[in-house]
C-alpha atoms as a PDB file:
ATOM      1  CA  UNK A   1       0.072   0.009   0.050  1.00  0.00           C
ATOM      2  CA  UNK A   2       2.710   2.415   0.866  1.00  0.00           C
ATOM      3  CA  UNK A   3       4.614   1.622  -2.405  1.00  0.00           C
ATOM      4  CA  UNK A   4       1.424   2.209  -4.326  1.00  0.00           C
ATOM      5  CA  UNK A   5       0.842   5.591  -2.771  1.00  0.00           C
ATOM      6  CA  UNK A   6       4.369   6.769  -3.619  1.00  0.00           C
ATOM      7  CA  UNK A   7       4.204   5.391  -7.136  1.00  0.00           C
ATOM      8  CA  UNK A   8       1.056   7.310  -7.661  1.00  0.00           C
ATOM      9  CA  UNK A   9       2.452  10.546  -6.172  1.00  0.00           C
ATOM     10  CA  UNK A  10       5.717  10.265  -8.209  1.00  0.00           C
ATOM     11  CA  UNK A  11       3.833   9.529 -11.502  1.00  0.00           C
ATOM     12  CA  UNK A  12       1.622  12.517 -10.810  1.00  0.00           C
ATOM     13  CA  UNK A  13       4.561  14.965 -10.180  1.00  0.00           C
ATOM     14  CA  UNK A  14       6.520  13.564 -13.008  1.00  0.00           C
ATOM     15  CA  UNK A  15       3.761  14.180 -15.574  1.00  0.00           C
ATOM     16  CA  UNK A  16       3.026  17.692 -14.078  1.00  0.00           C
ATOM     17  CA  UNK A  17       6.720  18.561 -14.540  1.00  0.00           C
ATOM     18  CA  UNK A  18       6.624  17.512 -18.088  1.00  0.00           C
ATOM     19  CA  UNK A  19       3.604  19.632 -18.761  1.00  0.00           C
ATOM     20  CA  UNK A  20       4.697  22.513 -16.552  1.00  0.00           C
ATOM     21  CA  UNK A  21       5.295  25.177 -19.341  1.00  0.00           C
ATOM     22  CA  UNK A  22       1.843  24.538 -20.970  1.00  0.00           C
ATOM     23  CA  UNK A  23       0.207  24.546 -17.654  1.00  0.00           C
ATOM     24  CA  UNK A  24       1.565  27.925 -16.440  1.00  0.00           C
ATOM     25  CA  UNK A  25       1.252  29.691 -19.800  1.00  0.00           C
ATOM     26  CA  UNK A  26      -2.362  28.543 -20.718  1.00  0.00           C
ATOM     27  CA  UNK A  27      -4.523  31.705 -20.896  1.00  0.00           C
ATOM     28  CA  UNK A  28      -7.312  30.072 -18.906  1.00  0.00           C
ATOM     29  CA  UNK A  29      -5.006  29.812 -15.927  1.00  0.00           C
ATOM     30  CA  UNK A  30      -4.115  33.471 -15.836  1.00  0.00           C
ATOM     31  CA  UNK A  31      -7.544  34.980 -16.506  1.00  0.00           C
ATOM     32  CA  UNK A  32      -9.626  33.118 -13.844  1.00  0.00           C
ATOM     33  CA  UNK A  33     -11.915  35.276 -11.830  1.00  0.00           C
ATOM     34  CA  UNK A  34     -14.477  34.120  -9.188  1.00  0.00           C
ATOM     35  CA  UNK A  35     -17.639  35.592  -7.789  1.00  0.00           C
ATOM     36  CA  UNK A  36     -17.339  36.622  -4.149  1.00  0.00           C
ATOM     37  CA  UNK A  37     -18.607  33.731  -1.936  1.00  0.00           C
ATOM     38  CA  UNK A  38     -20.964  34.096   1.061  1.00  0.00           C
ATOM     39  CA  UNK A  39     -18.749  31.715   3.041  1.00  0.00           C
ATOM     40  CA  UNK A  40     -15.126  30.959   2.613  1.00  0.00           C
ATOM     41  CA  UNK A  41     -13.983  27.597   4.139  1.00  0.00           C
ATOM     42  CA  UNK A  42     -10.359  27.706   4.898  1.00  0.00           C
ATOM     43  CA  UNK A  43      -8.072  24.729   5.489  1.00  0.00           C
ATOM     44  CA  UNK A  44      -5.660  25.422   8.421  1.00  0.00           C
ATOM     45  CA  UNK A  45      -2.246  23.765   8.224  1.00  0.00           C
ATOM     46  CA  UNK A  46      -0.522  24.767   5.126  1.00  0.00           C
ATOM     47  CA  UNK A  47      -3.190  27.218   4.208  1.00  0.00           C
ATOM     48  CA  UNK A  48      -3.759  29.690   7.035  1.00  0.00           C
ATOM     49  CA  UNK A  49      -0.619  28.901   8.871  1.00  0.00           C
ATOM     50  CA  UNK A  50       2.713  27.508   7.680  1.00  0.00           C
ATOM     51  CA  UNK A  51       2.920  24.422   9.761  1.00  0.00           C
ATOM     52  CA  UNK A  52       3.077  21.570   7.173  1.00  0.00           C
ATOM     53  CA  UNK A  53       6.804  21.398   7.484  1.00  0.00           C
ATOM     54  CA  UNK A  54       6.576  21.047  11.279  1.00  0.00           C
ATOM     55  CA  UNK A  55       3.967  18.509  10.946  1.00  0.00           C
ATOM     56  CA  UNK A  56       5.831  16.530   8.480  1.00  0.00           C
ATOM     57  CA  UNK A  57       8.823  16.331  10.765  1.00  0.00           C
ATOM     58  CA  UNK A  58       6.761  15.231  13.693  1.00  0.00           C
ATOM     59  CA  UNK A  59       4.991  12.569  11.563  1.00  0.00           C
ATOM     60  CA  UNK A  60       8.353  11.369  10.244  1.00  0.00           C
ATOM     61  CA  UNK A  61       9.713  11.044  13.785  1.00  0.00           C
ATOM     62  CA  UNK A  62       6.617   9.076  14.789  1.00  0.00           C
ATOM     63  CA  UNK A  63       6.645   6.708  11.851  1.00  0.00           C
ATOM     64  CA  UNK A  64      10.336   6.016  12.006  1.00  0.00           C
ATOM     65  CA  UNK A  65      10.207   5.293  15.701  1.00  0.00           C
ATOM     66  CA  UNK A  66       6.986   3.201  15.507  1.00  0.00           C
ATOM     67  CA  UNK A  67       7.344   1.246  12.151  1.00  0.00           C
ATOM     68  CA  UNK A  68      11.086   1.394  11.718  1.00  0.00           C
ATOM     69  CA  UNK A  69      10.910   2.860   8.126  1.00  0.00           C
ATOM     70  CA  UNK A  70      13.580   5.150   6.657  1.00  0.00           C
ATOM     71  CA  UNK A  71      13.193   8.740   7.413  1.00  0.00           C
ATOM     72  CA  UNK A  72      12.906   9.936   3.799  1.00  0.00           C
ATOM     73  CA  UNK A  73      10.170   7.417   3.009  1.00  0.00           C
ATOM     74  CA  UNK A  74       8.223   8.441   6.198  1.00  0.00           C
ATOM     75  CA  UNK A  75       8.157  12.075   5.184  1.00  0.00           C
ATOM     76  CA  UNK A  76       7.175  11.248   1.605  1.00  0.00           C
ATOM     77  CA  UNK A  77       4.297   9.046   2.707  1.00  0.00           C
ATOM     78  CA  UNK A  78       2.981  11.569   5.129  1.00  0.00           C
ATOM     79  CA  UNK A  79       2.953  14.317   2.506  1.00  0.00           C
ATOM     80  CA  UNK A  80       1.490  11.976  -0.152  1.00  0.00           C
ATOM     81  CA  UNK A  81      -1.608  11.376   2.191  1.00  0.00           C
ATOM     82  CA  UNK A  82      -1.847  14.682   3.877  1.00  0.00           C
ATOM     83  CA  UNK A  83      -5.254  16.290   4.097  1.00  0.00           C
ATOM     84  CA  UNK A  84      -6.621  13.302   6.069  1.00  0.00           C
ATOM     85  CA  UNK A  85      -6.791  12.933   9.778  1.00  0.00           C
ATOM     86  CA  UNK A  86      -3.499  11.281  10.805  1.00  0.00           C
ATOM     87  CA  UNK A  87      -5.134   8.108  11.971  1.00  0.00           C
ATOM     88  CA  UNK A  88      -6.619   7.772   8.472  1.00  0.00           C
ATOM     89  CA  UNK A  89      -3.238   8.510   6.794  1.00  0.00           C
ATOM     90  CA  UNK A  90      -1.789   5.636   8.891  1.00  0.00           C
ATOM     91  CA  UNK A  91      -4.698   3.356   7.753  1.00  0.00           C
ATOM     92  CA  UNK A  92      -3.738   3.974   4.152  1.00  0.00           C
ATOM     93  CA  UNK A  93      -0.001   3.674   4.712  1.00  0.00           C
ATOM     94  CA  UNK A  94      -0.016   0.717   7.121  1.00  0.00           C
ATOM     95  CA  UNK A  95      -3.418  -1.063   6.722  1.00  0.00           C
ATOM     96  CA  UNK A  96      -4.625  -2.970   9.719  1.00  0.00           C
ATOM     97  CA  UNK A  97      -1.461  -2.388  11.647  1.00  0.00           C
ATOM     98  CA  UNK A  98      -2.064  -2.779  15.415  1.00  0.00           C
ATOM     99  CA  UNK A  99       0.359   0.059  16.046  1.00  0.00           C
ATOM    100  CA  UNK A 100      -1.589   2.714  14.162  1.00  0.00           C
ATOM    101  CA  UNK A 101      -3.652   4.011  17.155  1.00  0.00           C
ATOM    102  CA  UNK A 102      -0.652   4.367  19.440  1.00  0.00           C
ATOM    103  CA  UNK A 103       1.195   6.196  16.657  1.00  0.00           C
ATOM    104  CA  UNK A 104      -1.707   8.574  15.995  1.00  0.00           C
ATOM    105  CA  UNK A 105      -2.113   9.159  19.770  1.00  0.00           C
ATOM    106  CA  UNK A 106       1.601  10.097  19.980  1.00  0.00           C
ATOM    107  CA  UNK A 107       1.395  12.394  17.001  1.00  0.00           C
ATOM    108  CA  UNK A 108      -1.648  14.215  18.235  1.00  0.00           C
ATOM    109  CA  UNK A 109      -0.301  14.656  21.779  1.00  0.00           C
ATOM    110  CA  UNK A 110       2.838  16.175  20.418  1.00  0.00           C
ATOM    111  CA  UNK A 111       1.066  18.702  18.141  1.00  0.00           C
ATOM    112  CA  UNK A 112       0.337  21.490  20.588  1.00  0.00           C
ATOM    113  CA  UNK A 113       3.929  21.880  21.751  1.00  0.00           C
ATOM    114  CA  UNK A 114       5.096  22.138  18.166  1.00  0.00           C
ATOM    115  CA  UNK A 115       2.362  24.176  16.510  1.00  0.00           C
ATOM    116  CA  UNK A 116       0.456  26.305  18.957  1.00  0.00           C
ATOM    117  CA  UNK A 117       2.799  29.216  18.487  1.00  0.00           C
ATOM    118  CA  UNK A 118       2.140  29.353  14.792  1.00  0.00           C
ATOM    119  CA  UNK A 119       0.416  32.538  13.639  1.00  0.00           C
ATOM    120  CA  UNK A 120      -1.170  33.632  10.277  1.00  0.00           C
ATOM    121  CA  UNK A 121       1.150  35.863   8.204  1.00  0.00           C
ATOM    122  CA  UNK A 122       0.233  39.542   8.100  1.00  0.00           C
ATOM    123  CA  UNK A 123      -0.967  39.391   4.399  1.00  0.00           C
ATOM    124  CA  UNK A 124      -3.225  36.395   5.159  1.00  0.00           C
ATOM    125  CA  UNK A 125      -4.825  38.241   8.135  1.00  0.00           C
ATOM    126  CA  UNK A 126      -5.151  41.354   5.960  1.00  0.00           C
ATOM    127  CA  UNK A 127      -6.889  39.256   3.277  1.00  0.00           C
ATOM    128  CA  UNK A 128      -9.294  37.777   5.668  1.00  0.00           C
ATOM    129  CA  UNK A 129     -10.172  41.265   7.149  1.00  0.00           C
ATOM    130  CA  UNK A 130     -10.885  42.529   3.723  1.00  0.00           C
ATOM    131  CA  UNK A 131     -13.092  39.602   2.851  1.00  0.00           C
ATOM    132  CA  UNK A 132     -15.036  40.065   6.012  1.00  0.00           C
ATOM    133  CA  UNK A 133     -15.477  43.775   5.210  1.00  0.00           C
ATOM    134  CA  UNK A 134     -16.968  42.669   1.897  1.00  0.00           C
ATOM    135  CA  UNK A 135     -19.537  40.529   3.703  1.00  0.00           C
ATOM    136  CA  UNK A 136     -17.760  37.095   3.423  1.00  0.00           C
ATOM    137  CA  UNK A 137     -18.284  34.754   6.448  1.00  0.00           C
ATOM    138  CA  UNK A 138     -14.867  33.023   7.278  1.00  0.00           C
ATOM    139  CA  UNK A 139     -14.922  29.357   8.414  1.00  0.00           C
ATOM    140  CA  UNK A 140     -11.978  27.142   9.370  1.00  0.00           C
ATOM    141  CA  UNK A 141     -12.248  23.674   7.981  1.00  0.00           C
ATOM    142  CA  UNK A 142      -9.505  21.322   9.244  1.00  0.00           C
ATOM    143  CA  UNK A 143      -8.854  17.772   9.907  1.00  0.00           C
ATOM    144  CA  UNK A 144      -6.508  18.788  12.712  1.00  0.00           C
ATOM    145  CA  UNK A 145      -8.047  17.950  16.041  1.00  0.00           C
ATOM    146  CA  UNK A 146     -10.884  20.138  17.333  1.00  0.00           C
ATOM    147  CA  UNK A 147      -9.048  21.339  20.462  1.00  0.00           C
ATOM    148  CA  UNK A 148      -6.103  22.315  18.374  1.00  0.00           C
ATOM    149  CA  UNK A 149      -8.090  24.116  15.844  1.00  0.00           C
ATOM    150  CA  UNK A 150     -10.141  25.954  18.457  1.00  0.00           C
ATOM    151  CA  UNK A 151      -6.892  26.901  20.353  1.00  0.00           C
ATOM    152  CA  UNK A 152      -5.477  28.380  17.039  1.00  0.00           C
ATOM    153  CA  UNK A 153      -8.744  30.369  16.605  1.00  0.00           C
ATOM    154  CA  UNK A 154      -8.510  31.693  20.127  1.00  0.00           C
ATOM    155  CA  UNK A 155      -5.028  32.693  19.813  1.00  0.00           C
ATOM    156  CA  UNK A 156      -5.259  34.229  16.340  1.00  0.00           C
ATOM    157  CA  UNK A 157      -7.047  37.440  17.428  1.00  0.00           C
ATOM    158  CA  UNK A 158      -9.159  37.066  14.328  1.00  0.00           C
ATOM    159  CA  UNK A 159     -13.007  36.759  14.586  1.00  0.00           C
ATOM    160  CA  UNK A 160     -13.644  33.687  12.561  1.00  0.00           C
ATOM    161  CA  UNK A 161     -17.379  33.151  12.106  1.00  0.00           C
ATOM    162  CA  UNK A 162     -17.166  29.380  12.355  1.00  0.00           C
ATOM    163  CA  UNK A 163     -14.351  27.065  13.582  1.00  0.00           C
ATOM    164  CA  UNK A 164     -14.311  23.303  12.885  1.00  0.00           C
ATOM    165  CA  UNK A 165     -11.875  20.615  13.466  1.00  0.00           C
ATOM    166  CA  UNK A 166     -11.860  16.732  13.519  1.00  0.00           C
ATOM    167  CA  UNK A 167     -13.688  15.066  16.268  1.00  0.00           C
ATOM    168  CA  UNK A 168     -17.149  14.664  17.800  1.00  0.00           C
ATOM    169  CA  UNK A 169     -18.561  13.541  14.484  1.00  0.00           C
ATOM    170  CA  UNK A 170     -17.079  16.323  12.484  1.00  0.00           C
ATOM    171  CA  UNK A 171     -14.349  16.090   9.735  1.00  0.00           C
ATOM    172  CA  UNK A 172     -13.350  18.033   6.621  1.00  0.00           C
ATOM    173  CA  UNK A 173     -15.691  17.240   3.891  1.00  0.00           C
ATOM    174  CA  UNK A 174     -19.429  16.605   4.100  1.00  0.00           C
ATOM    175  CA  UNK A 175     -19.798  17.041   7.850  1.00  0.00           C
ATOM    176  CA  UNK A 176     -18.161  20.433   7.730  1.00  0.00           C
ATOM    177  CA  UNK A 177     -19.986  21.414   4.546  1.00  0.00           C
ATOM    178  CA  UNK A 178     -23.284  20.565   6.161  1.00  0.00           C
ATOM    179  CA  UNK A 179     -22.385  22.420   9.348  1.00  0.00           C
ATOM    180  CA  UNK A 180     -21.878  25.500   7.101  1.00  0.00           C
ATOM    181  CA  UNK A 181     -25.157  25.002   5.337  1.00  0.00           C
ATOM    182  CA  UNK A 182     -27.023  24.701   8.741  1.00  0.00           C
ATOM    183  CA  UNK A 183     -25.053  27.618  10.303  1.00  0.00           C
ATOM    184  CA  UNK A 184     -25.511  30.245   7.519  1.00  0.00           C
ATOM    185  CA  UNK A 185     -28.396  28.875   5.370  1.00  0.00           C
ATOM    186  CA  UNK A 186     -26.227  28.928   2.237  1.00  0.00           C
ATOM    187  CA  UNK A 187     -25.967  26.557  -0.642  1.00  0.00           C
ATOM    188  CA  UNK A 188     -22.783  24.839  -1.753  1.00  0.00           C
ATOM    189  CA  UNK A 189     -22.427  27.010  -4.885  1.00  0.00           C
ATOM    190  CA  UNK A 190     -22.331  30.088  -2.431  1.00  0.00           C
ATOM    191  CA  UNK A 191     -19.266  28.699  -0.646  1.00  0.00           C
ATOM    192  CA  UNK A 192     -15.666  28.564  -1.672  1.00  0.00           C
ATOM    193  CA  UNK A 193     -13.179  26.063  -0.186  1.00  0.00           C
ATOM    194  CA  UNK A 194      -9.375  27.053  -0.199  1.00  0.00           C
ATOM    195  CA  UNK A 195      -6.696  24.375   0.745  1.00  0.00           C
ATOM    196  CA  UNK A 196      -3.217  23.220   0.197  1.00  0.00           C
ATOM    197  CA  UNK A 197      -3.583  19.486  -0.454  1.00  0.00           C
ATOM    198  CA  UNK A 198      -4.956  17.381  -3.294  1.00  0.00           C
ATOM    199  CA  UNK A 199      -7.286  15.875  -0.736  1.00  0.00           C
ATOM    200  CA  UNK A 200      -8.774  19.250  -0.319  1.00  0.00           C
ATOM    201  CA  UNK A 201      -9.536  19.452  -4.012  1.00  0.00           C
ATOM    202  CA  UNK A 202     -11.058  15.987  -4.051  1.00  0.00           C
ATOM    203  CA  UNK A 203     -13.440  17.131  -1.254  1.00  0.00           C
ATOM    204  CA  UNK A 204     -14.463  20.076  -3.275  1.00  0.00           C
ATOM    205  CA  UNK A 205     -15.195  17.908  -6.338  1.00  0.00           C
ATOM    206  CA  UNK A 206     -17.271  15.358  -4.332  1.00  0.00           C
ATOM    207  CA  UNK A 207     -19.138  18.039  -2.351  1.00  0.00           C
ATOM    208  CA  UNK A 208     -19.747  20.331  -5.322  1.00  0.00           C
ATOM    209  CA  UNK A 209     -17.836  23.218  -3.961  1.00  0.00           C
ATOM    210  CA  UNK A 210     -15.878  25.873  -5.803  1.00  0.00           C
ATOM    211  CA  UNK A 211     -12.155  25.347  -4.982  1.00  0.00           C
ATOM    212  CA  UNK A 212      -8.878  27.293  -4.922  1.00  0.00           C
ATOM    213  CA  UNK A 213      -5.644  25.442  -4.327  1.00  0.00           C
ATOM    214  CA  UNK A 214      -2.705  26.952  -2.381  1.00  0.00           C
ATOM    215  CA  UNK A 215       0.657  25.638  -3.943  1.00  0.00           C
ATOM    216  CA  UNK A 216       3.316  24.673  -1.475  1.00  0.00           C
ATOM    217  CA  UNK A 217       2.659  21.312  -0.073  1.00  0.00           C
ATOM    218  CA  UNK A 218       1.901  20.162  -3.627  1.00  0.00           C
ATOM    219  CA  UNK A 219       3.189  21.993  -6.713  1.00  0.00           C
ATOM    220  CA  UNK A 220       0.881  24.391  -8.858  1.00  0.00           C
ATOM    221  CA  UNK A 221       1.277  21.924 -11.610  1.00  0.00           C
ATOM    222  CA  UNK A 222       0.056  18.875  -9.524  1.00  0.00           C
ATOM    223  CA  UNK A 223      -3.146  20.818  -8.683  1.00  0.00           C
ATOM    224  CA  UNK A 224      -3.759  21.867 -12.298  1.00  0.00           C
ATOM    225  CA  UNK A 225      -3.211  18.286 -13.560  1.00  0.00           C
ATOM    226  CA  UNK A 226      -5.577  16.827 -11.078  1.00  0.00           C
ATOM    227  CA  UNK A 227      -8.083  19.573 -11.200  1.00  0.00           C
ATOM    228  CA  UNK A 228      -8.037  21.405 -14.650  1.00  0.00           C
ATOM    229  CA  UNK A 229      -9.695  24.744 -14.661  1.00  0.00           C
ATOM    230  CA  UNK A 230      -9.454  25.295 -10.862  1.00  0.00           C
ATOM    231  CA  UNK A 231      -7.321  28.376  -9.873  1.00  0.00           C
ATOM    232  CA  UNK A 232      -4.221  27.922  -7.758  1.00  0.00           C
ATOM    233  CA  UNK A 233      -2.402  30.667  -5.829  1.00  0.00           C
ATOM    234  CA  UNK A 234       0.946  30.668  -4.251  1.00  0.00           C
ATOM    235  CA  UNK A 235      -0.065  32.456  -1.103  1.00  0.00           C
ATOM    236  CA  UNK A 236      -3.360  32.825   0.540  1.00  0.00           C
ATOM    237  CA  UNK A 237      -3.483  36.576   0.111  1.00  0.00           C
ATOM    238  CA  UNK A 238      -3.531  36.201  -3.728  1.00  0.00           C
ATOM    239  CA  UNK A 239      -6.999  34.985  -3.212  1.00  0.00           C
ATOM    240  CA  UNK A 240      -8.160  38.589  -3.257  1.00  0.00           C
ATOM    241  CA  UNK A 241      -6.961  39.083  -6.866  1.00  0.00           C
ATOM    242  CA  UNK A 242      -9.459  36.448  -8.077  1.00  0.00           C
ATOM    243  CA  UNK A 243     -12.441  38.452  -6.946  1.00  0.00           C
ATOM    244  CA  UNK A 244     -11.519  41.920  -8.144  1.00  0.00           C
ATOM    245  CA  UNK A 245     -13.680  41.846 -11.260  1.00  0.00           C
ATOM    246  CA  UNK A 246     -16.817  40.122  -9.820  1.00  0.00           C
ATOM    247  CA  UNK A 247     -17.735  41.219  -6.317  1.00  0.00           C
ATOM    248  CA  UNK A 248     -21.303  39.757  -6.448  1.00  0.00           C
ATOM    249  CA  UNK A 249     -22.980  36.332  -6.023  1.00  0.00           C
ATOM    250  CA  UNK A 250     -21.017  32.959  -6.304  1.00  0.00           C
ATOM    251  CA  UNK A 251     -20.888  30.555  -9.186  1.00  0.00           C
ATOM    252  CA  UNK A 252     -19.157  27.189  -9.174  1.00  0.00           C
ATOM    253  CA  UNK A 253     -15.595  27.614 -10.849  1.00  0.00           C
ATOM    254  CA  UNK A 254     -16.014  24.557 -13.069  1.00  0.00           C
END
């Protein structure tokens, strides 16, 4: 299973690299504009805060110590499956392994000391403030643990309209989307999901959400290869540029 995950990831990255020039220069990529959403769903790690490197280091330590695999392989496997709760990642990488729960517990228990000091960049905060000024509700949608996500929101000093993490029956994807529907009375076409993992893009496709990818954890080319026609930004703050021409009701970016 682990080998298959890596083979799929490397094949995807290799094809994206070969097509890199066409992907970047295609006119459709540079002229994308979106209507302003009523609710913006923001992934947390790697999107609002730059914690993916820290989490990858922690996951690598846990998998090397628990499963005895090489450090380079552990990091690659973590990144290949990121976007899922860590226990689900382990289930994909080490199916039916009795050590998975212990490894997940160790990872989750170690997160706060490593990540609780992370703060949003100034331009990310400024973009969120501007979007709220325009009437957009801002929600956090993360598969990080619920307590960790709520702690981030409390320490951020930003008035998020809704904060959702993993646990108590909630998870990124349909449970979070349905929570947004109930909380704000909006349809899925009136939402926009922004995230840094290919799993985030897959959630958007399955749930019928407009989507914007944030390059970093995965390359811009990987997003464009997997999700043709979906916009990709290099930094969260660049999201504002996609709305400049159409500050009205949302339409799915398909």
